[in-house]
Protein backbone atom coordinates (compact mmCIF):
# COMPACT_ATOMS: atom_id res chain seq x y z
CA MET A 1 0.00 0.00 0.00
CA PRO A 2 1.41 3.43 -0.90
CA ALA A 3 2.56 5.50 2.08
CA PRO A 4 0.29 8.52 1.32
CA PHE A 5 -2.81 6.30 1.31
CA GLN A 6 -1.68 4.54 4.51
CA ARG A 7 -1.41 7.98 6.17
CA ALA A 8 -4.94 8.75 4.93
CA LEU A 9 -6.20 5.49 6.46
CA ASP A 10 -4.44 6.31 9.74
CA THR A 11 -6.11 9.73 9.76
CA LEU A 12 -9.55 8.22 9.14
CA THR A 13 -8.92 5.70 11.92
CA SER A 14 -7.93 8.48 14.33
CA PHE A 15 -11.30 10.18 13.70
CA LEU A 16 -13.17 6.90 14.14
CA GLU A 17 -11.36 5.75 17.28
CA GLY A 18 -10.52 9.09 18.88
CA PRO A 19 -12.72 11.25 21.05
CA PRO A 20 -15.86 12.45 19.23
CA LEU A 21 -15.65 15.89 17.66
CA ARG A 22 -19.12 16.63 19.04
CA PRO A 23 -21.46 14.55 21.23
CA GLU A 24 -24.22 14.76 18.58
CA LEU A 25 -21.97 13.26 15.88
CA ASP A 26 -21.47 9.53 15.34
CA LEU A 27 -18.88 8.28 12.80
CA GLU A 28 -18.27 4.76 11.53
CA GLU A 29 -16.33 2.97 8.84
CA MET A 30 -18.21 1.87 5.74
CA PRO A 31 -17.28 -0.05 2.58
CA ALA A 32 -15.68 2.13 -0.08
CA PRO A 33 -16.47 1.92 -3.78
CA GLN A 34 -13.73 -0.11 -5.44
CA ARG A 35 -14.00 0.99 -9.07
CA LEU A 36 -13.35 4.71 -8.71
CA ALA A 37 -9.64 4.56 -7.90
CA PRO A 38 -6.94 1.98 -7.13
CA TYR A 39 -7.27 2.80 -3.41
CA ALA A 40 -10.38 3.96 -1.56
CA ALA A 41 -11.67 4.26 1.98
CA ALA A 42 -14.95 5.62 3.35
CA ILE A 43 -16.68 6.66 6.53
CA SER A 44 -20.27 7.56 7.29
CA GLY A 45 -21.63 9.92 9.87
CA SER A 46 -24.91 10.80 11.54
CA VAL A 47 -25.96 13.80 13.61
CA TYR A 48 -28.55 13.18 16.33
CA ARG A 49 -30.78 15.40 18.46
CA GLU A 50 -30.93 14.85 22.21
CA ASP A 51 -33.96 12.58 21.67
CA ASP A 52 -31.86 10.33 19.37
CA THR A 53 -33.62 11.51 16.21
CA GLU A 54 -31.23 11.52 13.25
CA VAL A 55 -31.27 15.00 11.67
CA ALA A 56 -28.35 14.65 9.23
CA MET A 57 -26.25 11.93 7.71
CA GLY A 58 -23.37 11.77 5.33
CA ARG A 59 -20.62 9.81 3.65
CA LEU A 60 -17.02 10.76 2.96
CA ILE A 61 -15.00 8.79 0.43
CA VAL A 62 -11.24 9.17 0.06
CA LEU A 63 -9.91 8.12 -3.34
CA TYR A 64 -6.22 7.70 -4.12
CA ASP A 65 -4.48 7.06 -7.41
CA PRO A 66 -0.65 7.08 -7.14
CA ASP A 67 -0.48 8.15 -10.79
CA GLY A 68 -2.95 10.98 -10.25
CA ARG A 69 -5.73 11.87 -12.66
CA ALA A 70 -5.99 14.70 -15.16
CA GLU A 71 -9.07 16.11 -13.40
CA TRP A 72 -7.52 15.79 -9.92
CA SER A 73 -4.87 18.03 -8.43
CA GLY A 74 -2.55 15.33 -7.11
CA GLY A 75 -3.22 11.75 -6.13
CA PHE A 76 -6.20 12.28 -3.82
CA ARG A 77 -9.83 13.13 -4.47
CA ILE A 78 -12.46 13.44 -1.77
CA VAL A 79 -16.13 12.80 -2.45
CA ALA A 80 -18.67 13.95 0.13
CA TYR A 81 -22.40 13.58 0.58
CA ILE A 82 -24.56 15.21 3.26
CA ARG A 83 -28.33 14.98 3.73
CA ALA A 84 -30.06 17.00 6.45
CA ASP A 85 -33.62 17.70 7.50
CA LEU A 86 -34.55 21.36 7.13
CA GLU A 87 -37.26 23.51 8.60
CA PRO A 88 -39.77 24.34 5.82
CA GLU A 89 -39.09 28.08 6.04
CA ILE A 90 -35.34 27.50 5.61
CA ALA A 91 -35.91 25.12 2.68
CA ALA A 92 -38.10 27.79 1.03
CA ASP A 93 -35.21 30.29 1.04
CA GLU A 94 -33.88 30.48 -2.52
CA LEU A 95 -30.37 31.16 -1.21
CA ILE A 96 -30.03 28.04 0.97
CA GLY A 97 -28.18 26.16 -1.80
CA SER A 98 -25.51 28.84 -2.16
CA VAL A 99 -25.31 29.23 1.61
CA ALA A 100 -24.74 25.47 2.08
CA TRP A 101 -22.05 25.51 -0.64
CA ASP A 102 -20.36 28.47 1.10
CA TRP A 103 -20.43 26.53 4.41
CA LEU A 104 -18.43 23.77 2.70
CA LEU A 105 -15.88 26.09 1.07
CA GLU A 106 -15.38 28.08 4.29
CA ALA A 107 -14.86 24.88 6.29
CA LEU A 108 -12.35 23.58 3.71
CA GLN A 109 -10.39 26.84 3.45
CA PRO A 110 -7.92 26.11 6.29
CA ALA A 111 -7.26 22.59 4.93
CA GLY A 112 -6.55 23.71 1.35
CA TYR A 113 -8.45 22.40 -1.66
CA SER A 114 -8.77 22.76 -5.43
CA GLY A 115 -10.97 21.51 -8.25
CA GLU A 116 -14.13 21.65 -6.18
CA SER A 117 -17.42 20.72 -7.80
CA GLY A 118 -20.84 19.67 -6.63
CA THR A 119 -24.55 20.24 -6.27
CA VAL A 120 -26.96 21.28 -3.53
CA THR A 121 -30.55 20.05 -3.76
CA ARG A 122 -33.57 21.09 -1.72
CA ALA A 123 -36.38 18.55 -1.64
CA VAL A 124 -39.94 18.70 -0.32
CA SER A 125 -41.72 15.37 0.17
CA GLU A 126 -45.50 15.38 0.42
CA SER A 127 -47.60 12.33 1.32
CA PHE A 128 -50.80 11.23 -0.45
CA GLY A 129 -53.33 8.39 -0.35
CA ASP A 130 -52.97 6.16 2.70
CA LYS A 131 -50.04 8.33 3.82
CA ALA A 132 -51.97 11.62 3.49
CA GLY A 133 -51.86 12.20 7.25
CA GLU A 134 -48.07 12.25 7.39
CA PRO A 135 -46.47 15.69 7.56
CA SER A 136 -44.45 17.05 4.64
CA THR A 137 -40.69 16.86 5.04
CA THR A 138 -37.98 19.11 3.66
CA GLU A 139 -34.34 18.25 3.31
CA LEU A 140 -31.10 19.43 1.81
CA GLU A 141 -28.60 17.24 -0.05
CA LEU A 142 -25.06 18.40 -0.69
CA ARG A 143 -22.88 16.36 -3.05
CA ALA A 144 -19.33 17.55 -3.58
CA SER A 145 -15.85 16.50 -4.56
CA TRP A 146 -12.51 18.25 -4.33
CA SER A 147 -8.79 17.61 -4.38
CA PRO A 148 -6.83 18.28 -1.20
CA THR A 149 -3.71 20.40 -1.72
CA SER A 150 -1.68 18.21 0.67
CA ASP A 151 -1.60 14.61 1.87
CA ASP A 152 -2.81 15.64 5.36
CA LEU A 153 -6.55 14.88 5.25
CA ALA A 154 -7.44 15.71 8.88
CA GLY A 155 -8.73 19.18 8.02
CA HIS A 156 -10.88 17.78 5.21
CA ILE A 157 -12.52 15.19 7.46
CA ALA A 158 -13.09 17.81 10.16
CA ALA A 159 -14.60 20.19 7.57
CA TRP A 160 -17.04 17.51 6.37
CA CYS A 161 -18.08 16.83 9.98
CA GLU A 162 -18.52 20.56 10.63
CA VAL A 163 -20.70 21.07 7.55
CA MET A 164 -22.80 18.04 8.44
CA CYS A 165 -23.43 19.52 11.90
CA THR A 166 -24.11 22.98 10.46
CA THR A 167 -26.68 21.65 7.99
CA ALA A 168 -28.32 19.83 10.92
CA GLY A 169 -28.81 23.22 12.58
CA LEU A 170 -26.20 22.85 15.34
CA PRO A 171 -24.37 25.98 16.46
CA PRO A 172 -20.64 26.18 15.64
CA THR A 173 -18.28 24.27 17.94
CA GLY A 174 -17.70 26.21 21.15
CA VAL A 175 -20.94 28.22 20.82
CA THR A 176 -23.88 27.38 23.05
CA ALA A 177 -27.40 28.09 21.87
CA LEU A 178 -29.40 30.14 24.33
CA PRO A 179 -32.67 28.58 25.48
CA ASP A 180 -35.86 30.29 24.38
CA ARG A 181 -37.08 32.69 27.05
CA PRO A 182 -40.70 32.73 28.05
CA GLY A 183 -42.25 35.96 26.80
CA GLY A 184 -39.26 36.60 24.46
CA GLY A 185 -37.36 39.86 24.40
CA ALA A 186 -34.54 41.09 26.58
CA PRO A 187 -34.24 40.23 30.28
């Protein structure tokens, strides 16, 4: 196994076996697609509310080709997927797609990336017939890929985790949401 890919595996393992980045986030190893590159590894993640309801999930795939690819910048390519439940009023905002894309690029900035591409989809699911009584659901799907500018993938994995938590509606790490006050307004 090439040394750069072994380092990538070691980094993935450190995220899986190390202390959780956030208590709401659960990561686990998953099978990687084998036809996309000579070497591949993947993890999945879920974000849960306090009542154990899953509000976001995602997959991160690390691809490595020692010979590189014309469309990649270097030997690595990262493919990410995030799906999160959204409040209907947020899903109705025409800018949510560009905002979600900006969340990803801002999170990746410190890690260094190039060749980014992807899509953001907003979906509304309505129920009919025997399911007519079920409430409508709205969700966001972000699909992206990019090439890291170095072999250190820790910042890329952390960025994916951060964006998954952000799309789930969690405040940034280190920020505590204030509880709603009865009656609203200032104290």
